[in-house]
Amino acid sequence: MAKMFKVEAIIKPLKMHQVKDALDEAGFPSLTIIDVKGRGQQKGIVQQWRGKEYCVDLLPKTKIEVVVAEDKVEEIIQLIQSTAYTGEIGDGKIFVIPIETVVRIRTGERNGDAL
């Protein structure tokens, strides 16, 4: 049984469609996309409204989750990194998490067969 991993990417929302399309074109159509809020090292941004400054410390982000076999992890990382890149603060992070078991609810298939 091949090891499986979940690749989670927190990216700028404006890059979501590009990343989704790139994953699909590369043969990874199965994914989960979640709208989230968060902050990184910059701890938010300072904006002005009606002449007053205020801090927005939780910024909108998009989280993309893909579960793949171990031999596909680096390909997914490179694809997401190159597609989500803007070169600006807040481009995001990619996390790789080991998965012990996957079960397809409809058929009961497990692990690699369930992907």
C-alpha atoms as a PDB file:
ATOM      1  CA  MET A   1       0.000   0.000   0.000  1.00  0.00           C
ATOM      2  CA  ALA A   2       1.446   3.366  -1.065  1.00  0.00           C
ATOM      3  CA  LYS A   3       1.628   6.097   1.534  1.00  0.00           C
ATOM      4  CA  MET A   4      -0.907   8.889   1.063  1.00  0.00           C
ATOM      5  CA  PHE A   5      -0.641  12.551   1.930  1.00  0.00           C
ATOM      6  CA  LYS A   6      -2.966  15.513   2.109  1.00  0.00           C
ATOM      7  CA  VAL A   7      -1.516  18.627   0.531  1.00  0.00           C
ATOM      8  CA  GLU A   8      -3.171  21.751   1.974  1.00  0.00           C
ATOM      9  CA  ALA A   9      -2.492  25.092   0.353  1.00  0.00           C
ATOM     10  CA  ILE A  10      -3.587  28.433   1.788  1.00  0.00           C
ATOM     11  CA  ILE A  11      -3.549  30.896  -1.114  1.00  0.00           C
ATOM     12  CA  LYS A  12      -4.896  34.265  -2.197  1.00  0.00           C
ATOM     13  CA  PRO A  13      -8.522  33.921  -3.350  1.00  0.00           C
ATOM     14  CA  LEU A  14      -7.755  35.576  -6.688  1.00  0.00           C
ATOM     15  CA  LYS A  15      -5.455  32.638  -7.542  1.00  0.00           C
ATOM     16  CA  MET A  16      -7.983  29.881  -6.760  1.00  0.00           C
ATOM     17  CA  HIS A  17      -9.310  29.373 -10.305  1.00  0.00           C
ATOM     18  CA  GLN A  18      -5.814  29.301 -11.792  1.00  0.00           C
ATOM     19  CA  VAL A  19      -4.635  26.705  -9.262  1.00  0.00           C
ATOM     20  CA  LYS A  20      -7.803  24.608  -9.691  1.00  0.00           C
ATOM     21  CA  ASP A  21      -7.452  24.643 -13.489  1.00  0.00           C
ATOM     22  CA  ALA A  22      -3.732  23.783 -13.305  1.00  0.00           C
ATOM     23  CA  LEU A  23      -4.431  20.833 -10.993  1.00  0.00           C
ATOM     24  CA  ASP A  24      -7.195  19.613 -13.307  1.00  0.00           C
ATOM     25  CA  GLU A  25      -4.977  19.889 -16.400  1.00  0.00           C
ATOM     26  CA  ALA A  26      -2.202  17.970 -14.603  1.00  0.00           C
ATOM     27  CA  GLY A  27      -4.577  15.095 -13.829  1.00  0.00           C
ATOM     28  CA  PHE A  28      -5.609  15.989 -10.273  1.00  0.00           C
ATOM     29  CA  PRO A  29      -9.331  16.816 -10.565  1.00  0.00           C
ATOM     30  CA  SER A  30     -10.281  15.690  -7.027  1.00  0.00           C
ATOM     31  CA  LEU A  31      -9.952  18.484  -4.495  1.00  0.00           C
ATOM     32  CA  THR A  32     -11.691  20.413  -1.769  1.00  0.00           C
ATOM     33  CA  ILE A  33     -11.816  24.208  -1.745  1.00  0.00           C
ATOM     34  CA  ILE A  34     -12.742  26.158   1.379  1.00  0.00           C
ATOM     35  CA  ASP A  35     -13.005  29.915   1.939  1.00  0.00           C
ATOM     36  CA  VAL A  36     -11.094  30.738   5.122  1.00  0.00           C
ATOM     37  CA  LYS A  37      -9.742  33.750   6.998  1.00  0.00           C
ATOM     38  CA  GLY A  38      -6.346  33.994   8.574  1.00  0.00           C
ATOM     39  CA  ARG A  39      -3.135  35.888   8.985  1.00  0.00           C
ATOM     40  CA  GLY A  40       0.544  35.223   8.684  1.00  0.00           C
ATOM     41  CA  GLN A  41       3.641  37.016   9.846  1.00  0.00           C
ATOM     42  CA  GLN A  42       2.348  40.368   8.618  1.00  0.00           C
ATOM     43  CA  LYS A  43      -0.527  40.128  11.149  1.00  0.00           C
ATOM     44  CA  GLY A  44      -3.035  41.719   8.806  1.00  0.00           C
ATOM     45  CA  ILE A  45      -3.085  45.001   6.952  1.00  0.00           C
ATOM     46  CA  VAL A  46      -3.815  48.615   7.869  1.00  0.00           C
ATOM     47  CA  GLN A  47      -6.480  50.308   5.755  1.00  0.00           C
ATOM     48  CA  GLN A  48      -8.171  53.681   5.781  1.00  0.00           C
ATOM     49  CA  TRP A  49     -11.891  54.342   5.786  1.00  0.00           C
ATOM     50  CA  ARG A  50     -13.403  57.806   6.087  1.00  0.00           C
ATOM     51  CA  GLY A  51     -10.051  59.227   7.079  1.00  0.00           C
ATOM     52  CA  LYS A  52      -9.417  56.791   9.912  1.00  0.00           C
ATOM     53  CA  GLU A  53      -6.963  53.922   9.977  1.00  0.00           C
ATOM     54  CA  TYR A  54      -8.036  50.487  11.086  1.00  0.00           C
ATOM     55  CA  CYS A  55      -6.351  47.098  11.092  1.00  0.00           C
ATOM     56  CA  VAL A  56      -7.815  44.110   9.287  1.00  0.00           C
ATOM     57  CA  ASP A  57      -6.017  41.252  10.993  1.00  0.00           C
ATOM     58  CA  LEU A  58      -7.901  38.318   9.477  1.00  0.00           C
ATOM     59  CA  LEU A  59      -7.607  38.334   5.707  1.00  0.00           C
ATOM     60  CA  PRO A  60      -9.708  36.274   3.284  1.00  0.00           C
ATOM     61  CA  LYS A  61      -7.830  33.264   1.932  1.00  0.00           C
ATOM     62  CA  THR A  62      -8.679  30.081   0.049  1.00  0.00           C
ATOM     63  CA  LYS A  63      -7.676  26.637   1.271  1.00  0.00           C
ATOM     64  CA  ILE A  64      -7.211  23.896  -1.304  1.00  0.00           C
ATOM     65  CA  GLU A  65      -6.905  20.280  -0.157  1.00  0.00           C
ATOM     66  CA  VAL A  66      -5.717  17.418  -2.351  1.00  0.00           C
ATOM     67  CA  VAL A  67      -5.017  13.838  -1.202  1.00  0.00           C
ATOM     68  CA  VAL A  68      -2.457  11.983  -3.317  1.00  0.00           C
ATOM     69  CA  ALA A  69      -0.014   9.094  -3.252  1.00  0.00           C
ATOM     70  CA  GLU A  70       3.458   9.851  -1.936  1.00  0.00           C
ATOM     71  CA  ASP A  71       5.042   9.874  -5.396  1.00  0.00           C
ATOM     72  CA  LYS A  72       2.755  12.751  -6.503  1.00  0.00           C
ATOM     73  CA  VAL A  73       3.347  15.084  -3.537  1.00  0.00           C
ATOM     74  CA  GLU A  74       6.300  17.023  -4.976  1.00  0.00           C
ATOM     75  CA  GLU A  75       4.502  17.472  -8.314  1.00  0.00           C
ATOM     76  CA  ILE A  76       1.475  18.952  -6.536  1.00  0.00           C
ATOM     77  CA  ILE A  77       3.665  21.238  -4.405  1.00  0.00           C
ATOM     78  CA  GLN A  78       5.526  22.585  -7.448  1.00  0.00           C
ATOM     79  CA  LEU A  79       2.309  23.076  -9.407  1.00  0.00           C
ATOM     80  CA  ILE A  80       0.560  24.977  -6.598  1.00  0.00           C
ATOM     81  CA  GLN A  81       3.629  27.043  -5.745  1.00  0.00           C
ATOM     82  CA  SER A  82       4.240  28.147  -9.328  1.00  0.00           C
ATOM     83  CA  THR A  83       0.560  28.857 -10.042  1.00  0.00           C
ATOM     84  CA  ALA A  84      -0.296  30.670  -6.773  1.00  0.00           C
ATOM     85  CA  TYR A  85       2.872  32.812  -6.780  1.00  0.00           C
ATOM     86  CA  THR A  86       2.492  36.613  -7.026  1.00  0.00           C
ATOM     87  CA  GLY A  87       5.724  37.606  -5.275  1.00  0.00           C
ATOM     88  CA  GLU A  88       3.811  39.702  -2.753  1.00  0.00           C
ATOM     89  CA  ILE A  89       3.345  39.240   0.978  1.00  0.00           C
ATOM     90  CA  GLY A  90       0.494  36.852   1.680  1.00  0.00           C
ATOM     91  CA  ASP A  91       1.022  34.415  -1.203  1.00  0.00           C
ATOM     92  CA  GLY A  92       0.344  31.635   1.293  1.00  0.00           C
ATOM     93  CA  LYS A  93       1.676  28.340   2.581  1.00  0.00           C
ATOM     94  CA  ILE A  94       1.597  24.672   1.597  1.00  0.00           C
ATOM     95  CA  PHE A  95       1.318  21.942   4.235  1.00  0.00           C
ATOM     96  CA  VAL A  96       1.850  18.201   3.679  1.00  0.00           C
ATOM     97  CA  ILE A  97       0.099  15.885   6.131  1.00  0.00           C
ATOM     98  CA  PRO A  98       0.311  12.069   6.225  1.00  0.00           C
ATOM     99  CA  ILE A  99      -2.998  10.225   5.784  1.00  0.00           C
ATOM    100  CA  GLU A 100      -3.465   6.849   7.459  1.00  0.00           C
ATOM    101  CA  THR A 101      -6.731   5.701   5.893  1.00  0.00           C
ATOM    102  CA  VAL A 102      -9.146   6.818   3.186  1.00  0.00           C
ATOM    103  CA  VAL A 103     -12.586   5.210   2.795  1.00  0.00           C
ATOM    104  CA  ARG A 104     -14.960   5.872  -0.097  1.00  0.00           C
ATOM    105  CA  ILE A 105     -18.369   5.983   1.583  1.00  0.00           C
ATOM    106  CA  ARG A 106     -20.382   4.728  -1.414  1.00  0.00           C
ATOM    107  CA  THR A 107     -18.346   1.584  -2.147  1.00  0.00           C
ATOM    108  CA  GLY A 108     -16.279   0.937   0.965  1.00  0.00           C
ATOM    109  CA  GLU A 109     -13.061   1.047  -1.073  1.00  0.00           C
ATOM    110  CA  ARG A 110     -10.034   1.914   1.006  1.00  0.00           C
ATOM    111  CA  ASN A 111      -6.838   3.880   0.637  1.00  0.00           C
ATOM    112  CA  GLY A 112      -5.420   4.141  -2.909  1.00  0.00           C
ATOM    113  CA  ASP A 113      -8.543   2.582  -4.435  1.00  0.00           C
ATOM    114  CA  ALA A 114     -10.689   5.196  -2.681  1.00  0.00           C
ATOM    115  CA  LEU A 115      -8.832   8.101  -4.257  1.00  0.00           C
END
